[in-house]
Each structure stands twice: as C-alpha cells, then as structure tokens.
C-alpha cells in the first residue's frame, strides 16, 4: 500500500464518537473516549487514526464487538448489524473536546 492509501484508510476507520451516558461516565472516570469504528479495524489502526485526526497522543485502545439487537415488527423479526466500539485512553495532559468542534 502506498502512503496515500494508508492515510485514506486511517481516515475511514473512525465512524463517529459514541456520546452516551455510559461513554460520558467512562470519559470522566477513566479519561477514555468511545468511538464507533469499522468492524475490520485493528487496535494499531484505531490508535493511528485518532492520532492523525485529533492531533493527540494515544496511550491505549480497548475494543468491544457489539452484537446487533434483534428487533420485531408484528410477526416479522429483523436484526441490526453488529458493530465495533473502541475505548481510547489518551496520555496525561491530552484532551479531545467535541463541543469545540475539533
């Protein structure tokens, strides 16, 4: 892979920040930020992507595979897609502020 295609891949790894009550509690207590990431993303890719996009230093990455919920509409059952969540620990003194529009 060329350097440009690697950078393009890293820009596609992070899909969105997970801003929920649990994610906010984890951010306050453990200084971790939760992101929704591609299901084929690896820990080194997630670390490199966060460092590239947000210009911060990452200490560690923890990954959780989340199973999609089974939903029902009348007699019909459906299933949401499985997805992957990454908890990113930043090095001391580092911060990502989503409210400021970074």
PDB file of N, CA and C in Angstrom:
ATOM      1  N   UNK A   1       0.843  -1.187   0.000  1.00  0.00           N
ATOM      2  CA  UNK A   1       0.000   0.000   0.000  1.00  0.00           C
ATOM      3  C   UNK A   1       0.882   1.242   0.000  1.00  0.00           C
ATOM      4  N   UNK A   2       0.465   2.239  -0.736  1.00  0.00           N
ATOM      5  CA  UNK A   2       1.217   3.486  -0.747  1.00  0.00           C
ATOM      6  C   UNK A   2       0.844   4.315   0.478  1.00  0.00           C
ATOM      7  N   UNK A   3       1.661   5.338   0.738  1.00  0.00           N
ATOM      8  CA  UNK A   3       1.430   6.182   1.918  1.00  0.00           C
ATOM      9  C   UNK A   3       0.082   6.886   1.832  1.00  0.00           C
ATOM     10  N   UNK A   4      -0.332   7.278   0.641  1.00  0.00           N
ATOM     11  CA  UNK A   4      -1.612   7.979   0.487  1.00  0.00           C
ATOM     12  C   UNK A   4      -2.786   7.051   0.772  1.00  0.00           C
ATOM     13  N   UNK A   5      -2.723   5.809   0.299  1.00  0.00           N
ATOM     14  CA  UNK A   5      -3.835   4.894   0.541  1.00  0.00           C
ATOM     15  C   UNK A   5      -3.915   4.482   2.012  1.00  0.00           C
ATOM     16  N   UNK A   6      -2.764   4.423   2.699  1.00  0.00           N
ATOM     17  CA  UNK A   6      -2.779   4.128   4.138  1.00  0.00           C
ATOM     18  C   UNK A   6      -3.463   5.256   4.886  1.00  0.00           C
ATOM     19  N   UNK A   7      -3.154   6.499   4.520  1.00  0.00           N
ATOM     20  CA  UNK A   7      -3.770   7.650   5.176  1.00  0.00           C
ATOM     21  C   UNK A   7      -5.270   7.693   4.881  1.00  0.00           C
ATOM     22  N   UNK A   8      -5.667   7.372   3.668  1.00  0.00           N
ATOM     23  CA  UNK A   8      -7.097   7.319   3.331  1.00  0.00           C
ATOM     24  C   UNK A   8      -7.799   6.250   4.167  1.00  0.00           C
ATOM     25  N   UNK A   9      -7.162   5.104   4.348  1.00  0.00           N
ATOM     26  CA  UNK A   9      -7.726   4.030   5.169  1.00  0.00           C
ATOM     27  C   UNK A   9      -7.909   4.505   6.608  1.00  0.00           C
ATOM     28  N   UNK A  10      -6.907   5.186   7.163  1.00  0.00           N
ATOM     29  CA  UNK A  10      -6.990   5.667   8.540  1.00  0.00           C
ATOM     30  C   UNK A  10      -8.128   6.679   8.710  1.00  0.00           C
ATOM     31  N   UNK A  11      -8.360   7.489   7.703  1.00  0.00           N
ATOM     32  CA  UNK A  11      -9.438   8.475   7.790  1.00  0.00           C
ATOM     33  C   UNK A  11     -10.818   7.817   7.751  1.00  0.00           C
ATOM     34  N   UNK A  12     -10.899   6.575   7.272  1.00  0.00           N
ATOM     35  CA  UNK A  12     -12.176   5.857   7.207  1.00  0.00           C
ATOM     36  C   UNK A  12     -12.415   4.953   8.416  1.00  0.00           C
ATOM     37  N   UNK A  13     -11.412   4.781   9.277  1.00  0.00           N
ATOM     38  CA  UNK A  13     -11.526   3.847  10.413  1.00  0.00           C
ATOM     39  C   UNK A  13     -12.531   4.349  11.443  1.00  0.00           C
ATOM     40  N   UNK A  14     -12.442   5.625  11.835  1.00  0.00           N
ATOM     41  CA  UNK A  14     -13.341   6.178  12.852  1.00  0.00           C
ATOM     42  C   UNK A  14     -14.635   6.608  12.166  1.00  0.00           C
ATOM     43  N   UNK A  15     -15.756   6.053  12.626  1.00  0.00           N
ATOM     44  CA  UNK A  15     -17.044   6.394  12.043  1.00  0.00           C
ATOM     45  C   UNK A  15     -17.720   7.542  12.783  1.00  0.00           C
ATOM     46  N   UNK A  16     -17.699   7.496  14.127  1.00  0.00           N
ATOM     47  CA  UNK A  16     -18.353   8.544  14.915  1.00  0.00           C
ATOM     48  C   UNK A  16     -17.979   8.389  16.378  1.00  0.00           C
ATOM     49  N   UNK A  17     -18.011   9.485  17.140  1.00  0.00           N
ATOM     50  CA  UNK A  17     -17.849   9.333  18.589  1.00  0.00           C
ATOM     51  C   UNK A  17     -19.127   8.789  19.194  1.00  0.00           C
ATOM     52  N   UNK A  18     -18.993   7.976  20.236  1.00  0.00           N
ATOM     53  CA  UNK A  18     -20.155   7.448  20.953  1.00  0.00           C
ATOM     54  C   UNK A  18     -20.432   8.398  22.114  1.00  0.00           C
ATOM     55  N   UNK A  19     -21.454   9.219  21.999  1.00  0.00           N
ATOM     56  CA  UNK A  19     -21.775  10.161  23.061  1.00  0.00           C
ATOM     57  C   UNK A  19     -23.052   9.686  23.725  1.00  0.00           C
ATOM     58  N   UNK A  20     -22.868   8.909  24.792  1.00  0.00           N
ATOM     59  CA  UNK A  20     -23.983   8.364  25.555  1.00  0.00           C
ATOM     60  C   UNK A  20     -23.705   8.627  27.034  1.00  0.00           C
ATOM     61  N   UNK A  21     -24.666   8.295  27.884  1.00  0.00           N
ATOM     62  CA  UNK A  21     -24.453   8.470  29.321  1.00  0.00           C
ATOM     63  C   UNK A  21     -23.286   7.615  29.798  1.00  0.00           C
ATOM     64  N   UNK A  22     -23.225   6.373  29.353  1.00  0.00           N
ATOM     65  CA  UNK A  22     -22.136   5.489  29.765  1.00  0.00           C
ATOM     66  C   UNK A  22     -20.795   6.009  29.257  1.00  0.00           C
ATOM     67  N   UNK A  23     -20.733   6.445  28.008  1.00  0.00           N
ATOM     68  CA  UNK A  23     -19.486   6.947  27.442  1.00  0.00           C
ATOM     69  C   UNK A  23     -19.022   8.204  28.173  1.00  0.00           C
ATOM     70  N   UNK A  24     -19.960   9.056  28.576  1.00  0.00           N
ATOM     71  CA  UNK A  24     -19.614  10.262  29.327  1.00  0.00           C
ATOM     72  C   UNK A  24     -19.079   9.906  30.705  1.00  0.00           C
ATOM     73  N   UNK A  25     -19.697   8.922  31.359  1.00  0.00           N
ATOM     74  CA  UNK A  25     -19.243   8.473  32.674  1.00  0.00           C
ATOM     75  C   UNK A  25     -17.833   7.877  32.581  1.00  0.00           C
ATOM     76  N   UNK A  26     -17.583   7.065  31.562  1.00  0.00           N
ATOM     77  CA  UNK A  26     -16.264   6.462  31.356  1.00  0.00           C
ATOM     78  C   UNK A  26     -15.229   7.553  31.070  1.00  0.00           C
ATOM     79  N   UNK A  27     -15.613   8.554  30.284  1.00  0.00           N
ATOM     80  CA  UNK A  27     -14.689   9.646  29.969  1.00  0.00           C
ATOM     81  C   UNK A  27     -14.299  10.412  31.228  1.00  0.00           C
ATOM     82  N   UNK A  28     -15.254  10.663  32.112  1.00  0.00           N
ATOM     83  CA  UNK A  28     -14.966  11.392  33.345  1.00  0.00           C
ATOM     84  C   UNK A  28     -14.131  10.562  34.318  1.00  0.00           C
ATOM     85  N   UNK A  29     -14.469   9.289  34.462  1.00  0.00           N
ATOM     86  CA  UNK A  29     -13.819   8.449  35.474  1.00  0.00           C
ATOM     87  C   UNK A  29     -12.464   7.907  35.018  1.00  0.00           C
ATOM     88  N   UNK A  30     -12.359   7.466  33.767  1.00  0.00           N
ATOM     89  CA  UNK A  30     -11.147   6.780  33.298  1.00  0.00           C
ATOM     90  C   UNK A  30     -10.383   7.539  32.218  1.00  0.00           C
ATOM     91  N   UNK A  31     -10.827   8.729  31.875  1.00  0.00           N
ATOM     92  CA  UNK A  31     -10.186   9.533  30.817  1.00  0.00           C
ATOM     93  C   UNK A  31     -10.087   8.752  29.504  1.00  0.00           C
ATOM     94  N   UNK A  32     -11.197   8.129  29.113  1.00  0.00           N
ATOM     95  CA  UNK A  32     -11.259   7.395  27.853  1.00  0.00           C
ATOM     96  C   UNK A  32     -12.372   7.980  26.989  1.00  0.00           C
ATOM     97  N   UNK A  33     -12.168   7.950  25.679  1.00  0.00           N
ATOM     98  CA  UNK A  33     -13.188   8.406  24.742  1.00  0.00           C
ATOM     99  C   UNK A  33     -13.649   7.208  23.930  1.00  0.00           C
ATOM    100  N   UNK A  34     -14.968   7.098  23.738  1.00  0.00           N
ATOM    101  CA  UNK A  34     -15.528   5.972  22.987  1.00  0.00           C
ATOM    102  C   UNK A  34     -15.811   6.403  21.551  1.00  0.00           C
ATOM    103  N   UNK A  35     -15.435   5.549  20.613  1.00  0.00           N
ATOM    104  CA  UNK A  35     -15.687   5.794  19.192  1.00  0.00           C
ATOM    105  C   UNK A  35     -16.347   4.575  18.577  1.00  0.00           C
ATOM    106  N   UNK A  36     -17.227   4.813  17.610  1.00  0.00           N
ATOM    107  CA  UNK A  36     -17.748   3.748  16.764  1.00  0.00           C
ATOM    108  C   UNK A  36     -16.750   3.617  15.614  1.00  0.00           C
ATOM    109  N   UNK A  37     -16.255   2.407  15.378  1.00  0.00           N
ATOM    110  CA  UNK A  37     -15.227   2.200  14.355  1.00  0.00           C
ATOM    111  C   UNK A  37     -15.662   1.097  13.387  1.00  0.00           C
ATOM    112  N   UNK A  38     -14.933   0.983  12.279  1.00  0.00           N
ATOM    113  CA  UNK A  38     -15.227  -0.071  11.307  1.00  0.00           C
ATOM    114  C   UNK A  38     -15.034  -1.438  11.951  1.00  0.00           C
ATOM    115  N   UNK A  39     -15.817  -2.407  11.522  1.00  0.00           N
ATOM    116  CA  UNK A  39     -15.742  -3.741  12.119  1.00  0.00           C
ATOM    117  C   UNK A  39     -14.431  -4.455  11.784  1.00  0.00           C
ATOM    118  N   UNK A  40     -13.745  -4.047  10.722  1.00  0.00           N
ATOM    119  CA  UNK A  40     -12.475  -4.683  10.361  1.00  0.00           C
ATOM    120  C   UNK A  40     -11.263  -3.889  10.841  1.00  0.00           C
ATOM    121  N   UNK A  41     -11.470  -2.868  11.674  1.00  0.00           N
ATOM    122  CA  UNK A  41     -10.371  -2.037  12.172  1.00  0.00           C
ATOM    123  C   UNK A  41      -9.606  -2.769  13.276  1.00  0.00           C
ATOM    124  N   UNK A  42      -8.299  -2.570  13.297  1.00  0.00           N
ATOM    125  CA  UNK A  42      -7.454  -3.164  14.328  1.00  0.00           C
ATOM    126  C   UNK A  42      -7.044  -2.090  15.339  1.00  0.00           C
ATOM    127  N   UNK A  43      -6.535  -2.523  16.500  1.00  0.00           N
ATOM    128  CA  UNK A  43      -6.115  -1.564  17.523  1.00  0.00           C
ATOM    129  C   UNK A  43      -5.038  -0.595  17.018  1.00  0.00           C
ATOM    130  N   UNK A  44      -3.997  -1.072  16.329  1.00  0.00           N
ATOM    131  CA  UNK A  44      -2.989  -0.122  15.816  1.00  0.00           C
ATOM    132  C   UNK A  44      -3.589   0.878  14.816  1.00  0.00           C
ATOM    133  N   UNK A  45      -4.514   0.425  13.975  1.00  0.00           N
ATOM    134  CA  UNK A  45      -5.169   1.342  13.031  1.00  0.00           C
ATOM    135  C   UNK A  45      -5.984   2.392  13.763  1.00  0.00           C
ATOM    136  N   UNK A  46      -6.718   1.982  14.795  1.00  0.00           N
ATOM    137  CA  UNK A  46      -7.543   2.919  15.562  1.00  0.00           C
ATOM    138  C   UNK A  46      -6.653   3.945  16.247  1.00  0.00           C
ATOM    139  N   UNK A  47      -5.556   3.492  16.843  1.00  0.00           N
ATOM    140  CA  UNK A  47      -4.620   4.406  17.506  1.00  0.00           C
ATOM    141  C   UNK A  47      -4.064   5.415  16.508  1.00  0.00           C
ATOM    142  N   UNK A  48      -3.614   4.945  15.360  1.00  0.00           N
ATOM    143  CA  UNK A  48      -3.047   5.837  14.344  1.00  0.00           C
ATOM    144  C   UNK A  48      -4.093   6.813  13.814  1.00  0.00           C
ATOM    145  N   UNK A  49      -5.330   6.342  13.651  1.00  0.00           N
ATOM    146  CA  UNK A  49      -6.394   7.193  13.127  1.00  0.00           C
ATOM    147  C   UNK A  49      -6.747   8.311  14.103  1.00  0.00           C
ATOM    148  N   UNK A  50      -6.853   7.993  15.388  1.00  0.00           N
ATOM    149  CA  UNK A  50      -7.175   9.020  16.393  1.00  0.00           C
ATOM    150  C   UNK A  50      -6.047  10.040  16.472  1.00  0.00           C
ATOM    151  N   UNK A  51      -4.795   9.570  16.445  1.00  0.00           N
ATOM    152  CA  UNK A  51      -3.661  10.491  16.491  1.00  0.00           C
ATOM    153  C   UNK A  51      -3.624  11.383  15.254  1.00  0.00           C
ATOM    154  N   UNK A  52      -3.972  10.833  14.094  1.00  0.00           N
ATOM    155  CA  UNK A  52      -3.966  11.605  12.851  1.00  0.00           C
ATOM    156  C   UNK A  52      -5.087  12.641  12.821  1.00  0.00           C
ATOM    157  N   UNK A  53      -6.293  12.224  13.174  1.00  0.00           N
ATOM    158  CA  UNK A  53      -7.460  13.106  13.049  1.00  0.00           C
ATOM    159  C   UNK A  53      -7.500  14.180  14.137  1.00  0.00           C
ATOM    160  N   UNK A  54      -7.231  13.794  15.390  1.00  0.00           N
ATOM    161  CA  UNK A  54      -7.414  14.722  16.506  1.00  0.00           C
ATOM    162  C   UNK A  54      -6.110  15.340  17.010  1.00  0.00           C
ATOM    163  N   UNK A  55      -4.954  14.947  16.453  1.00  0.00           N
ATOM    164  CA  UNK A  55      -3.649  15.504  16.834  1.00  0.00           C
ATOM    165  C   UNK A  55      -3.387  15.369  18.336  1.00  0.00           C
ATOM    166  N   UNK A  56      -3.625  14.169  18.871  1.00  0.00           N
ATOM    167  CA  UNK A  56      -3.375  13.867  20.282  1.00  0.00           C
ATOM    168  C   UNK A  56      -2.509  12.613  20.361  1.00  0.00           C
ATOM    169  N   UNK A  57      -1.969  12.343  21.551  1.00  0.00           N
ATOM    170  CA  UNK A  57      -1.184  11.131  21.770  1.00  0.00           C
ATOM    171  C   UNK A  57      -2.047  10.099  22.478  1.00  0.00           C
ATOM    172  N   UNK A  58      -2.128   8.902  21.911  1.00  0.00           N
ATOM    173  CA  UNK A  58      -2.959   7.826  22.456  1.00  0.00           C
ATOM    174  C   UNK A  58      -2.094   6.902  23.304  1.00  0.00           C
ATOM    175  N   UNK A  59      -2.603   6.559  24.485  1.00  0.00           N
ATOM    176  CA  UNK A  59      -1.892   5.653  25.386  1.00  0.00           C
ATOM    177  C   UNK A  59      -2.276   4.205  25.105  1.00  0.00           C
ATOM    178  N   UNK A  60      -3.593   3.920  25.012  1.00  0.00           N
ATOM    179  CA  UNK A  60      -4.048   2.542  24.811  1.00  0.00           C
ATOM    180  C   UNK A  60      -5.403   2.541  24.117  1.00  0.00           C
ATOM    181  N   UNK A  61      -5.715   1.403  23.502  1.00  0.00           N
ATOM    182  CA  UNK A  61      -7.001   1.218  22.826  1.00  0.00           C
ATOM    183  C   UNK A  61      -7.600  -0.105  23.285  1.00  0.00           C
ATOM    184  N   UNK A  62      -8.874  -0.061  23.691  1.00  0.00           N
ATOM    185  CA  UNK A  62      -9.614  -1.261  24.042  1.00  0.00           C
ATOM    186  C   UNK A  62     -10.783  -1.372  23.076  1.00  0.00           C
ATOM    187  N   UNK A  63     -11.029  -2.580  22.568  1.00  0.00           N
ATOM    188  CA  UNK A  63     -12.051  -2.778  21.536  1.00  0.00           C
ATOM    189  C   UNK A  63     -13.153  -3.688  22.049  1.00  0.00           C
ATOM    190  N   UNK A  64     -14.397  -3.347  21.714  1.00  0.00           N
ATOM    191  CA  UNK A  64     -15.560  -4.152  22.088  1.00  0.00           C
ATOM    192  C   UNK A  64     -16.364  -4.435  20.826  1.00  0.00           C
ATOM    193  N   UNK A  65     -16.653  -5.712  20.577  1.00  0.00           N
ATOM    194  CA  UNK A  65     -17.548  -6.077  19.485  1.00  0.00           C
ATOM    195  C   UNK A  65     -18.964  -6.114  20.033  1.00  0.00           C
ATOM    196  N   UNK A  66     -19.838  -5.272  19.480  1.00  0.00           N
ATOM    197  CA  UNK A  66     -21.208  -5.148  19.964  1.00  0.00           C
ATOM    198  C   UNK A  66     -22.133  -5.898  19.009  1.00  0.00           C
ATOM    199  N   UNK A  67     -22.895  -6.826  19.563  1.00  0.00           N
ATOM    200  CA  UNK A  67     -23.830  -7.590  18.738  1.00  0.00           C
ATOM    201  C   UNK A  67     -25.073  -6.767  18.428  1.00  0.00           C
ATOM    202  N   UNK A  68     -25.574  -6.886  17.217  1.00  0.00           N
ATOM    203  CA  UNK A  68     -26.771  -6.151  16.825  1.00  0.00           C
ATOM    204  C   UNK A  68     -28.006  -6.703  17.519  1.00  0.00           C
ATOM    205  N   UNK A  69     -28.931  -5.807  17.827  1.00  0.00           N
ATOM    206  CA  UNK A  69     -30.150  -6.216  18.517  1.00  0.00           C
ATOM    207  C   UNK A  69     -31.113  -6.914  17.564  1.00  0.00           C
ATOM    208  N   UNK A  70     -31.882  -7.842  18.115  1.00  0.00           N
ATOM    209  CA  UNK A  70     -32.970  -8.450  17.358  1.00  0.00           C
ATOM    210  C   UNK A  70     -34.204  -7.583  17.578  1.00  0.00           C
ATOM    211  N   UNK A  71     -34.796  -7.122  16.504  1.00  0.00           N
ATOM    212  CA  UNK A  71     -35.968  -6.247  16.587  1.00  0.00           C
ATOM    213  C   UNK A  71     -37.155  -6.948  15.952  1.00  0.00           C
ATOM    214  N   UNK A  72     -38.343  -6.517  16.333  1.00  0.00           N
ATOM    215  CA  UNK A  72     -39.555  -7.162  15.836  1.00  0.00           C
ATOM    216  C   UNK A  72     -40.584  -6.123  15.449  1.00  0.00           C
ATOM    217  N   UNK A  73     -41.215  -6.335  14.318  1.00  0.00           N
ATOM    218  CA  UNK A  73     -42.332  -5.504  13.874  1.00  0.00           C
ATOM    219  C   UNK A  73     -43.468  -6.459  13.518  1.00  0.00           C
ATOM    220  N   UNK A  74     -44.427  -6.595  14.416  1.00  0.00           N
ATOM    221  CA  UNK A  74     -45.501  -7.564  14.200  1.00  0.00           C
ATOM    222  C   UNK A  74     -44.964  -8.974  14.269  1.00  0.00           C
ATOM    223  N   UNK A  75     -45.208  -9.741  13.197  1.00  0.00           N
ATOM    224  CA  UNK A  75     -44.698 -11.121  13.162  1.00  0.00           C
ATOM    225  C   UNK A  75     -43.307 -11.219  12.567  1.00  0.00           C
ATOM    226  N   UNK A  76     -42.808 -10.144  12.027  1.00  0.00           N
ATOM    227  CA  UNK A  76     -41.528 -10.152  11.330  1.00  0.00           C
ATOM    228  C   UNK A  76     -40.387  -9.818  12.275  1.00  0.00           C
ATOM    229  N   UNK A  77     -39.359 -10.645  12.268  1.00  0.00           N
ATOM    230  CA  UNK A  77     -38.164 -10.401  13.062  1.00  0.00           C
ATOM    231  C   UNK A  77     -37.056  -9.886  12.157  1.00  0.00           C
ATOM    232  N   UNK A  78     -36.304  -8.962  12.663  1.00  0.00           N
ATOM    233  CA  UNK A  78     -35.151  -8.449  11.935  1.00  0.00           C
ATOM    234  C   UNK A  78     -33.986  -8.326  12.887  1.00  0.00           C
ATOM    235  N   UNK A  79     -32.826  -8.051  12.350  1.00  0.00           N
ATOM    236  CA  UNK A  79     -31.632  -7.934  13.192  1.00  0.00           C
ATOM    237  C   UNK A  79     -30.807  -6.757  12.707  1.00  0.00           C
ATOM    238  N   UNK A  80     -30.366  -5.947  13.673  1.00  0.00           N
ATOM    239  CA  UNK A  80     -29.468  -4.852  13.342  1.00  0.00           C
ATOM    240  C   UNK A  80     -28.059  -5.401  13.139  1.00  0.00           C
ATOM    241  N   UNK A  81     -27.228  -4.631  12.447  1.00  0.00           N
ATOM    242  CA  UNK A  81     -25.867  -5.080  12.176  1.00  0.00           C
ATOM    243  C   UNK A  81     -25.029  -5.086  13.442  1.00  0.00           C
ATOM    244  N   UNK A  82     -24.065  -6.021  13.505  1.00  0.00           N
ATOM    245  CA  UNK A  82     -23.060  -6.000  14.558  1.00  0.00           C
ATOM    246  C   UNK A  82     -22.122  -4.825  14.277  1.00  0.00           C
ATOM    247  N   UNK A  83     -21.543  -4.259  15.332  1.00  0.00           N
ATOM    248  CA  UNK A  83     -20.632  -3.144  15.147  1.00  0.00           C
ATOM    249  C   UNK A  83     -19.525  -3.182  16.191  1.00  0.00           C
ATOM    250  N   UNK A  84     -18.534  -2.345  16.028  1.00  0.00           N
ATOM    251  CA  UNK A  84     -17.368  -2.345  16.905  1.00  0.00           C
ATOM    252  C   UNK A  84     -17.222  -0.979  17.565  1.00  0.00           C
ATOM    253  N   UNK A  85     -16.909  -1.024  18.877  1.00  0.00           N
ATOM    254  CA  UNK A  85     -16.698   0.194  19.651  1.00  0.00           C
ATOM    255  C   UNK A  85     -15.273   0.170  20.188  1.00  0.00           C
ATOM    256  N   UNK A  86     -14.608   1.327  20.167  1.00  0.00           N
ATOM    257  CA  UNK A  86     -13.247   1.438  20.672  1.00  0.00           C
ATOM    258  C   UNK A  86     -13.199   2.462  21.796  1.00  0.00           C
ATOM    259  N   UNK A  87     -12.620   2.054  22.932  1.00  0.00           N
ATOM    260  CA  UNK A  87     -12.358   2.983  24.031  1.00  0.00           C
ATOM    261  C   UNK A  87     -10.895   3.393  23.923  1.00  0.00           C
ATOM    262  N   UNK A  88     -10.647   4.687  23.725  1.00  0.00           N
ATOM    263  CA  UNK A  88      -9.304   5.199  23.512  1.00  0.00           C
ATOM    264  C   UNK A  88      -8.850   5.955  24.755  1.00  0.00           C
ATOM    265  N   UNK A  89      -7.733   5.510  25.361  1.00  0.00           N
ATOM    266  CA  UNK A  89      -7.141   6.201  26.508  1.00  0.00           C
ATOM    267  C   UNK A  89      -6.076   7.152  25.993  1.00  0.00           C
ATOM    268  N   UNK A  90      -6.164   8.406  26.403  1.00  0.00           N
ATOM    269  CA  UNK A  90      -5.189   9.401  25.984  1.00  0.00           C
ATOM    270  C   UNK A  90      -4.091   9.523  27.034  1.00  0.00           C
ATOM    271  N   UNK A  91      -2.911   9.948  26.597  1.00  0.00           N
ATOM    272  CA  UNK A  91      -1.808  10.171  27.529  1.00  0.00           C
ATOM    273  C   UNK A  91      -2.144  11.370  28.407  1.00  0.00           C
ATOM    274  N   UNK A  92      -1.567  11.450  29.611  1.00  0.00           N
ATOM    275  CA  UNK A  92      -1.873  12.562  30.522  1.00  0.00           C
ATOM    276  C   UNK A  92      -1.620  13.915  29.858  1.00  0.00           C
ATOM    277  N   UNK A  93      -2.559  14.835  30.088  1.00  0.00           N
ATOM    278  CA  UNK A  93      -2.452  16.173  29.507  1.00  0.00           C
ATOM    279  C   UNK A  93      -3.102  16.315  28.143  1.00  0.00           C
ATOM    280  N   UNK A  94      -3.514  15.203  27.542  1.00  0.00           N
ATOM    281  CA  UNK A  94      -4.159  15.229  26.229  1.00  0.00           C
ATOM    282  C   UNK A  94      -5.672  15.308  26.410  1.00  0.00           C
ATOM    283  N   UNK A  95      -6.365  15.948  25.450  1.00  0.00           N
ATOM    284  CA  UNK A  95      -7.812  16.084  25.567  1.00  0.00           C
ATOM    285  C   UNK A  95      -8.422  16.255  24.175  1.00  0.00           C
ATOM    286  N   UNK A  96      -9.596  15.659  23.996  1.00  0.00           N
ATOM    287  CA  UNK A  96     -10.389  15.864  22.786  1.00  0.00           C
ATOM    288  C   UNK A  96     -11.693  16.507  23.236  1.00  0.00           C
ATOM    289  N   UNK A  97     -11.990  17.676  22.679  1.00  0.00           N
ATOM    290  CA  UNK A  97     -13.207  18.406  23.069  1.00  0.00           C
ATOM    291  C   UNK A  97     -14.127  18.449  21.855  1.00  0.00           C
ATOM    292  N   UNK A  98     -15.192  17.635  21.875  1.00  0.00           N
ATOM    293  CA  UNK A  98     -16.123  17.589  20.746  1.00  0.00           C
ATOM    294  C   UNK A  98     -16.992  18.825  20.700  1.00  0.00           C
ATOM    295  N   UNK A  99     -17.242  19.476  21.833  1.00  0.00           N
ATOM    296  CA  UNK A  99     -18.088  20.664  21.879  1.00  0.00           C
ATOM    297  C   UNK A  99     -17.427  21.840  21.160  1.00  0.00           C
ATOM    298  N   UNK A 100     -16.097  21.867  21.129  1.00  0.00           N
ATOM    299  CA  UNK A 100     -15.369  22.966  20.485  1.00  0.00           C
ATOM    300  C   UNK A 100     -15.287  22.786  18.971  1.00  0.00           C
ATOM    301  N   UNK A 101     -15.739  21.629  18.478  1.00  0.00           N
ATOM    302  CA  UNK A 101     -15.766  21.399  17.028  1.00  0.00           C
ATOM    303  C   UNK A 101     -14.454  20.924  16.455  1.00  0.00           C
ATOM    304  N   UNK A 102     -13.613  20.264  17.262  1.00  0.00           N
ATOM    305  CA  UNK A 102     -12.348  19.740  16.748  1.00  0.00           C
ATOM    306  C   UNK A 102     -12.574  18.574  15.825  1.00  0.00           C
TER     307      UNK A 102
END
